[in-house]
N, C-alpha and C. Protein backbone atom coordinates (compact mmCIF):
# COMPACT_ATOMS: atom_id res chain seq x y z
N UNK A 1 117.53 96.62 75.65
CA UNK A 1 116.81 98.10 75.23
C UNK A 1 118.70 98.88 75.64
N UNK A 2 118.97 100.00 74.87
CA UNK A 2 119.48 100.72 73.95
C UNK A 2 119.43 102.36 75.39
N UNK A 3 120.54 102.48 75.95
CA UNK A 3 120.32 103.67 76.53
C UNK A 3 121.75 104.69 75.80
N UNK A 4 121.42 106.13 75.78
CA UNK A 4 122.30 106.62 75.29
C UNK A 4 122.58 107.97 76.22
N UNK A 5 123.44 108.91 76.24
CA UNK A 5 123.41 109.90 77.13
C UNK A 5 123.74 110.53 76.71
N UNK A 6 123.50 111.81 76.32
CA UNK A 6 124.08 113.18 75.37
C UNK A 6 124.14 114.63 75.96
N UNK A 7 125.18 115.00 76.64
CA UNK A 7 125.57 115.99 77.35
C UNK A 7 125.45 117.32 76.65
N UNK A 8 124.42 117.84 76.57
CA UNK A 8 124.32 119.65 76.19
C UNK A 8 124.38 120.37 77.28
N UNK A 9 125.66 121.64 77.42
CA UNK A 9 125.83 122.23 78.28
C UNK A 9 124.99 123.64 77.91
N UNK A 10 124.31 123.51 76.57
CA UNK A 10 123.43 124.91 76.40
C UNK A 10 122.07 124.39 76.89
N UNK A 11 121.66 123.44 77.18
CA UNK A 11 120.14 123.27 77.83
C UNK A 11 120.23 123.51 78.98
N UNK A 12 119.19 124.12 79.15
CA UNK A 12 118.56 124.89 80.29
C UNK A 12 117.99 123.82 81.47
N UNK A 13 117.20 122.41 80.88
CA UNK A 13 116.53 121.68 81.52
C UNK A 13 117.25 119.89 81.17
N UNK A 14 116.90 119.06 81.71
CA UNK A 14 116.73 117.77 81.39
C UNK A 14 115.41 117.34 80.95
N UNK A 15 115.84 116.49 79.27
CA UNK A 15 114.72 116.26 78.71
C UNK A 15 114.79 114.48 78.22
N UNK A 16 114.18 113.69 78.71
CA UNK A 16 114.41 112.18 78.27
C UNK A 16 113.32 112.21 77.37
N UNK A 17 113.61 111.29 76.03
CA UNK A 17 113.25 111.26 75.05
C UNK A 17 113.03 109.53 74.90
N UNK A 18 112.06 108.88 75.07
CA UNK A 18 112.31 107.51 74.59
C UNK A 18 111.54 107.08 73.22
N UNK A 19 112.58 106.69 72.21
CA UNK A 19 111.37 106.16 71.39
C UNK A 19 111.95 104.57 71.16
N UNK A 20 110.92 103.79 70.98
CA UNK A 20 110.02 102.13 71.31
C UNK A 20 109.36 102.65 69.43
N UNK A 21 109.32 100.98 68.94
CA UNK A 21 108.31 100.67 68.16
C UNK A 21 106.80 100.58 68.36
N UNK A 22 106.75 100.41 69.47
CA UNK A 22 105.30 100.25 70.16
C UNK A 22 105.70 101.12 71.75
N UNK A 23 104.24 101.03 71.92
CA UNK A 23 103.97 101.43 73.51
C UNK A 23 103.66 100.05 74.24
N UNK A 24 104.53 99.28 74.57
CA UNK A 24 104.60 98.14 75.43
C UNK A 24 104.51 98.06 76.91
N UNK A 25 104.24 97.18 77.58
CA UNK A 25 103.95 96.93 78.96
C UNK A 25 105.60 97.40 79.53
N UNK A 26 106.96 97.21 78.92
CA UNK A 26 107.77 97.29 79.05
C UNK A 26 108.64 99.16 79.27
N UNK A 27 107.97 99.34 77.88
CA UNK A 27 108.35 101.13 77.74
C UNK A 27 106.86 101.68 78.75
N UNK A 28 106.05 101.26 79.15
CA UNK A 28 105.14 101.50 80.35
C UNK A 28 105.17 102.12 81.21
N UNK A 29 106.42 100.56 81.96
CA UNK A 29 107.20 100.69 83.10
C UNK A 29 107.99 102.03 83.19
N UNK A 30 108.74 101.85 81.99
CA UNK A 30 109.52 102.48 82.24
C UNK A 30 109.47 104.40 81.87
N UNK A 31 108.48 104.86 81.43
CA UNK A 31 107.47 105.88 81.79
C UNK A 31 107.46 106.45 83.28
N UNK A 32 106.69 105.74 83.43
CA UNK A 32 106.20 105.73 85.20
C UNK A 32 107.57 105.97 85.77
N UNK A 33 108.52 105.29 85.99
CA UNK A 33 109.73 105.20 86.16
C UNK A 33 110.35 106.84 86.24
N UNK A 34 110.13 107.20 84.96
CA UNK A 34 111.25 108.32 84.73
C UNK A 34 109.82 109.69 85.43
N UNK A 35 108.62 109.10 85.46
CA UNK A 35 107.82 110.32 85.61
C UNK A 35 107.26 110.59 87.58
N UNK A 36 108.10 109.10 88.07
CA UNK A 36 107.72 109.52 89.57
C UNK A 36 106.23 109.41 89.69
N UNK A 37 106.49 109.78 90.75
CA UNK A 37 104.92 110.09 91.55
C UNK A 37 104.63 111.48 91.25
N UNK A 38 103.70 111.73 90.77
CA UNK A 38 103.25 113.06 90.77
C UNK A 38 101.37 113.67 91.24
N UNK A 39 101.35 114.51 92.13
CA UNK A 39 100.29 114.48 92.96
C UNK A 39 99.81 116.05 92.46
N UNK A 40 98.33 116.15 92.26
CA UNK A 40 97.39 117.29 92.15
C UNK A 40 96.59 117.42 93.83
N UNK A 41 96.09 118.79 93.64
CA UNK A 41 95.63 118.93 95.41
C UNK A 41 94.31 119.46 94.86
N UNK A 42 93.19 117.99 95.33
CA UNK A 42 91.44 118.29 95.13
C UNK A 42 91.71 118.84 96.49
N UNK A 43 89.64 119.49 96.05
CA UNK A 43 89.07 119.59 96.84
C UNK A 43 87.65 119.18 97.41
N UNK A 44 87.55 118.11 98.45
CA UNK A 44 86.60 117.23 98.85
C UNK A 44 85.34 118.59 98.94
N UNK A 45 84.08 117.84 98.82
CA UNK A 45 82.68 118.88 98.46
C UNK A 45 83.14 119.58 99.84
N UNK A 46 83.29 119.14 100.95
CA UNK A 46 83.43 119.61 102.58
C UNK A 46 84.86 120.91 102.86
N UNK A 47 85.02 120.81 101.29
CA UNK A 47 86.27 121.66 101.38
C UNK A 47 87.53 121.48 102.02
N UNK A 48 87.63 120.15 102.14
CA UNK A 48 89.31 119.71 102.63
C UNK A 48 90.22 119.06 101.71
N UNK A 49 91.10 119.44 101.38
CA UNK A 49 92.71 119.33 100.86
C UNK A 49 92.53 117.73 100.52
N UNK A 50 92.76 117.56 99.37
CA UNK A 50 93.46 116.05 99.48
C UNK A 50 94.22 115.41 98.12
N UNK A 51 95.07 115.20 98.67
CA UNK A 51 96.43 114.96 97.49
C UNK A 51 95.96 113.68 96.54
N UNK A 52 96.19 114.30 95.15
CA UNK A 52 95.61 113.32 94.27
C UNK A 52 96.78 112.80 93.16
N UNK A 53 96.57 111.37 93.26
CA UNK A 53 97.94 110.92 92.45
C UNK A 53 97.54 111.52 91.22
N UNK A 54 98.48 111.61 90.06
CA UNK A 54 97.90 111.96 88.74
C UNK A 54 97.08 110.80 87.99
N UNK A 55 98.27 109.69 88.23
CA UNK A 55 97.70 108.25 87.52
C UNK A 55 96.17 107.76 88.16
N UNK A 56 95.84 108.13 89.13
CA UNK A 56 94.78 107.92 89.47
C UNK A 56 93.52 108.48 89.02
N UNK A 57 93.45 109.74 88.99
CA UNK A 57 92.58 110.41 87.74
C UNK A 57 92.21 110.05 86.64
N UNK A 58 90.22 109.75 86.26
CA UNK A 58 90.21 109.18 85.50
C UNK A 58 89.90 110.14 84.62
N UNK A 59 89.45 111.67 84.69
CA UNK A 59 89.35 112.31 84.08
C UNK A 59 89.30 113.83 84.65
N UNK A 60 89.26 115.11 83.92
CA UNK A 60 89.37 116.33 84.63
C UNK A 60 88.02 116.70 83.30
N UNK A 61 86.76 117.95 83.97
CA UNK A 61 85.94 118.27 83.10
C UNK A 61 85.53 119.43 83.72
N UNK A 62 84.82 120.40 82.91
CA UNK A 62 84.23 121.82 83.50
C UNK A 62 83.07 121.24 83.48
N UNK A 63 82.32 122.18 84.88
CA UNK A 63 81.36 122.57 85.21
C UNK A 63 80.84 123.55 86.28
N UNK A 64 79.81 124.24 86.12
CA UNK A 64 79.59 125.35 86.98
C UNK A 64 80.51 126.45 86.67
N UNK A 65 81.43 126.63 85.96
CA UNK A 65 82.68 127.20 85.70
C UNK A 65 83.73 126.96 86.83
N UNK A 66 83.70 125.95 86.97
CA UNK A 66 84.66 125.34 87.59
C UNK A 66 85.42 123.90 87.27
N UNK A 67 86.95 123.49 87.22
CA UNK A 67 86.83 122.19 87.26
C UNK A 67 87.19 121.28 87.98
N UNK A 68 86.84 119.69 87.71
CA UNK A 68 86.43 118.95 88.31
C UNK A 68 87.19 117.56 87.90
N UNK A 69 88.22 116.63 89.18
CA UNK A 69 88.98 115.80 88.81
C UNK A 69 88.03 114.56 89.55
N UNK A 70 87.71 113.93 88.36
CA UNK A 70 87.11 112.54 88.70
C UNK A 70 88.06 111.37 89.26
N UNK A 71 88.27 110.55 90.57
CA UNK A 71 88.95 109.59 90.52
C UNK A 71 87.96 108.29 90.96
N UNK A 72 88.01 107.36 91.62
CA UNK A 72 87.82 105.93 91.63
C UNK A 72 86.80 106.53 93.09
N UNK A 73 87.18 107.40 94.11
CA UNK A 73 86.86 107.71 95.05
C UNK A 73 86.06 108.84 95.20
N UNK A 74 85.89 109.62 94.50
CA UNK A 74 85.17 110.55 94.07
C UNK A 74 85.12 111.76 93.02
N UNK A 75 84.51 112.75 93.08
CA UNK A 75 84.95 114.28 92.53
C UNK A 75 85.46 114.72 93.64
N UNK A 76 86.69 115.71 93.00
CA UNK A 76 86.99 116.83 93.64
C UNK A 76 86.84 117.97 92.45
N UNK A 77 87.35 119.12 93.31
CA UNK A 77 87.34 120.63 92.96
C UNK A 77 89.04 120.70 92.70
N UNK A 78 89.15 121.32 91.56
CA UNK A 78 90.66 121.37 90.90
C UNK A 78 90.77 122.91 91.18
N UNK A 79 91.86 123.49 91.60
CA UNK A 79 91.97 124.72 91.22
C UNK A 79 92.78 125.19 90.23
N UNK A 80 92.59 124.68 88.98
CA UNK A 80 93.24 124.74 88.02
C UNK A 80 92.15 124.75 86.87
N UNK A 81 92.89 125.24 85.25
CA UNK A 81 92.05 125.82 84.28
C UNK A 81 92.34 124.70 83.22
N UNK A 82 91.47 124.26 82.31
CA UNK A 82 91.41 122.59 81.94
C UNK A 82 92.61 123.02 80.48
N UNK A 83 92.37 124.32 80.21
CA UNK A 83 93.60 125.01 79.47
C UNK A 83 95.59 124.56 79.97
N UNK A 84 95.64 124.95 81.02
CA UNK A 84 96.54 124.49 81.70
C UNK A 84 96.82 123.31 82.04
N UNK A 85 95.46 122.35 82.54
CA UNK A 85 96.27 121.13 83.11
C UNK A 85 96.32 120.34 81.16
N UNK A 86 95.62 120.87 80.04
CA UNK A 86 96.16 120.10 78.93
C UNK A 86 96.96 119.76 78.72
N UNK A 87 98.23 121.25 79.11
CA UNK A 87 99.08 121.21 78.28
C UNK A 87 99.97 120.18 79.10
N UNK A 88 99.77 120.05 80.62
CA UNK A 88 100.12 119.89 81.40
C UNK A 88 100.96 118.55 81.90
N UNK A 89 99.55 117.77 81.20
CA UNK A 89 99.28 115.94 81.51
C UNK A 89 99.58 115.55 80.26
N UNK A 90 99.86 115.88 79.13
CA UNK A 90 100.02 114.98 78.37
C UNK A 90 101.63 114.14 78.42
N UNK A 91 102.22 114.52 78.94
CA UNK A 91 103.31 113.58 79.65
C UNK A 91 102.51 112.24 80.26
N UNK A 92 101.64 112.36 81.09
CA UNK A 92 101.31 111.51 81.92
C UNK A 92 100.10 110.62 80.74
N UNK A 93 99.48 111.04 79.49
CA UNK A 93 98.95 109.69 78.84
C UNK A 93 97.65 110.57 79.05
N UNK A 94 97.02 111.86 79.45
CA UNK A 94 95.97 112.62 78.91
C UNK A 94 96.21 112.92 78.48
N UNK A 95 94.57 113.04 77.42
CA UNK A 95 94.29 113.79 76.16
C UNK A 95 92.98 114.69 76.03
N UNK A 96 92.79 115.19 75.82
CA UNK A 96 91.72 116.04 75.48
C UNK A 96 90.87 115.92 74.66
N UNK A 97 89.53 115.51 75.20
CA UNK A 97 88.72 114.70 73.98
C UNK A 97 87.19 115.82 74.00
N UNK A 98 87.54 116.96 74.19
CA UNK A 98 86.97 118.25 74.45
C UNK A 98 86.84 119.41 74.43
N UNK A 99 85.88 120.24 74.45
CA UNK A 99 86.16 121.59 74.63
C UNK A 99 86.23 121.65 76.19
N UNK A 100 85.44 121.24 77.06
CA UNK A 100 85.19 121.04 78.49
C UNK A 100 85.67 119.53 79.69
N UNK A 101 86.54 118.63 78.46
CA UNK A 101 86.55 117.48 79.67
C UNK A 101 88.23 117.09 78.76
N UNK A 102 88.90 116.50 79.84
CA UNK A 102 90.56 115.88 79.39
C UNK A 102 90.19 114.34 80.13
N UNK A 103 91.03 113.25 79.35
CA UNK A 103 90.84 111.72 79.89
C UNK A 103 91.90 111.53 80.11
N UNK A 104 92.00 110.50 81.09
CA UNK A 104 93.56 109.77 81.30
C UNK A 104 93.09 108.48 80.44
N UNK A 105 94.14 108.27 79.65
CA UNK A 105 94.01 107.07 78.43
C UNK A 105 94.39 105.84 79.15
N UNK A 106 95.52 105.80 80.28
CA UNK A 106 95.65 104.89 81.09
C UNK A 106 94.46 104.49 81.76
N UNK A 107 93.42 104.95 81.84
CA UNK A 107 91.99 104.60 82.74
C UNK A 107 90.71 104.30 81.65
N UNK A 108 91.51 104.25 80.25
CA UNK A 108 90.19 103.42 79.21
C UNK A 108 90.08 102.39 79.50
N UNK A 109 88.91 102.04 79.17
CA UNK A 109 88.62 100.44 79.01
C UNK A 109 88.50 99.97 77.84
N UNK A 110 87.35 101.19 76.97
CA UNK A 110 87.73 100.48 75.57
C UNK A 110 86.81 101.83 74.77
N UNK A 111 86.95 102.05 73.64
CA UNK A 111 86.56 102.95 72.59
C UNK A 111 85.67 102.41 71.57
N UNK A 112 84.62 103.01 71.26
CA UNK A 112 83.50 102.48 70.45
C UNK A 112 83.65 103.50 69.26
N UNK A 113 84.26 103.22 68.27
CA UNK A 113 84.45 103.94 67.34
C UNK A 113 83.60 103.82 66.26
N UNK A 114 82.34 102.97 66.40
CA UNK A 114 81.01 102.79 65.20
C UNK A 114 80.40 104.14 65.10
N UNK A 115 80.44 105.06 66.05
CA UNK A 115 79.74 106.10 66.11
C UNK A 115 80.16 107.29 64.72
N UNK A 116 79.34 107.57 63.72
CA UNK A 116 79.51 108.65 62.91
C UNK A 116 80.62 109.58 63.44
N UNK A 117 81.78 110.32 63.23
CA UNK A 117 82.71 111.31 63.22
C UNK A 117 83.33 111.37 65.05
N UNK A 118 82.59 110.77 66.04
CA UNK A 118 83.04 110.60 67.22
C UNK A 118 83.58 109.65 67.61
N UNK A 119 83.96 109.37 69.14
CA UNK A 119 84.09 107.93 69.67
C UNK A 119 83.50 108.18 70.96
N UNK A 120 83.03 107.25 71.62
CA UNK A 120 82.78 106.93 72.93
C UNK A 120 83.47 106.24 73.72
N UNK A 121 83.90 106.82 74.50
CA UNK A 121 84.90 106.00 75.51
C UNK A 121 84.64 105.75 76.71
N UNK A 122 85.05 104.24 77.26
CA UNK A 122 84.32 103.86 78.44
C UNK A 122 85.64 103.61 79.27
N UNK A 123 85.06 104.61 80.26
CA UNK A 123 86.43 104.35 81.35
C UNK A 123 86.36 103.21 82.13
N UNK A 124 87.42 103.07 83.22
CA UNK A 124 87.49 101.81 83.77
C UNK A 124 86.65 101.34 85.38
N UNK A 125 86.32 102.47 85.42
CA UNK A 125 85.28 102.86 86.62
C UNK A 125 83.37 103.05 86.09
N UNK A 126 83.59 102.80 84.77
CA UNK A 126 82.17 102.59 84.08
C UNK A 126 81.15 103.92 83.36
N UNK A 127 82.51 105.02 83.74
CA UNK A 127 82.01 106.16 83.04
C UNK A 127 81.92 106.33 81.70
N UNK A 128 81.18 106.81 81.17
CA UNK A 128 81.33 107.03 79.69
C UNK A 128 81.08 108.32 79.22
N UNK A 129 82.35 108.82 78.08
CA UNK A 129 82.81 110.26 77.50
C UNK A 129 82.37 109.96 76.45
N UNK A 130 81.77 111.31 75.96
CA UNK A 130 82.13 111.36 74.36
C UNK A 130 83.08 112.67 73.61
N UNK A 131 83.97 111.85 72.78
CA UNK A 131 85.13 112.65 71.94
C UNK A 131 84.63 113.42 71.21
N UNK A 132 84.58 115.15 70.88
CA UNK A 132 84.06 115.56 70.01
C UNK A 132 84.79 115.73 68.45
N UNK A 133 84.21 115.58 67.72
CA UNK A 133 84.53 115.35 66.25
C UNK A 133 85.98 116.40 66.14
N UNK A 134 86.09 117.61 66.76
CA UNK A 134 86.84 118.28 66.41
C UNK A 134 88.20 117.52 67.02
N UNK A 135 88.24 117.14 68.31
CA UNK A 135 89.41 116.54 68.71
C UNK A 135 89.83 114.54 68.25
N UNK A 136 88.98 114.12 67.53
CA UNK A 136 88.91 112.55 67.17
C UNK A 136 90.54 112.58 66.70
N UNK A 137 90.60 113.10 66.06
CA UNK A 137 92.42 112.96 65.10
C UNK A 137 92.90 112.74 66.06
N UNK A 138 92.94 113.99 66.83
CA UNK A 138 94.34 113.80 67.40
C UNK A 138 94.32 112.77 68.84
N UNK A 139 93.27 112.52 69.13
CA UNK A 139 93.33 111.09 69.70
C UNK A 139 93.68 109.62 69.62
N UNK A 140 93.18 109.65 68.25
CA UNK A 140 93.60 108.59 67.22
C UNK A 140 95.71 108.51 67.08
N UNK A 141 95.21 110.09 66.89
CA UNK A 141 97.10 109.90 67.16
C UNK A 141 97.68 109.41 67.97
N UNK A 142 97.24 110.32 69.11
CA UNK A 142 97.78 109.29 70.45
C UNK A 142 97.87 107.96 70.52
N UNK A 143 96.35 107.33 70.23
CA UNK A 143 96.46 106.36 70.38
C UNK A 143 97.15 105.08 69.18
N UNK A 144 97.29 105.59 68.38
CA UNK A 144 98.14 105.41 66.97
C UNK A 144 96.76 104.30 66.30
N UNK A 145 95.87 104.84 66.46
CA UNK A 145 94.78 103.90 65.72
C UNK A 145 94.57 104.43 64.13
């Protein structure tokens, strides 16, 4: 692995770019270390605030004019908009798969590409999601398919 540091006084914030020939376990580990642990506050059905680790969230989806975060432990309300989350979570390997859903690509168990024009996504907990045609091209780019 080659490490390079460029000091640029004109920059306002630190930016780290990782270039690799493929997304290997070594690269994933490096990315996890650089990102650190990030949390988001979710609210249980009883109103209790619960810290959620970003990497443990399976998906975010819109329902009844709210945004929900699904984890292996349950579903929590998140007081954020999907469009806000969409941009912020790209660095965590989340991808928008439809107008109302964002999926953690690190929690994808299998992809079914046999459907014409869409992708059926199987998550690690058994949840099945469908990518709308509008987002298929972007998902394939992110996954390198």
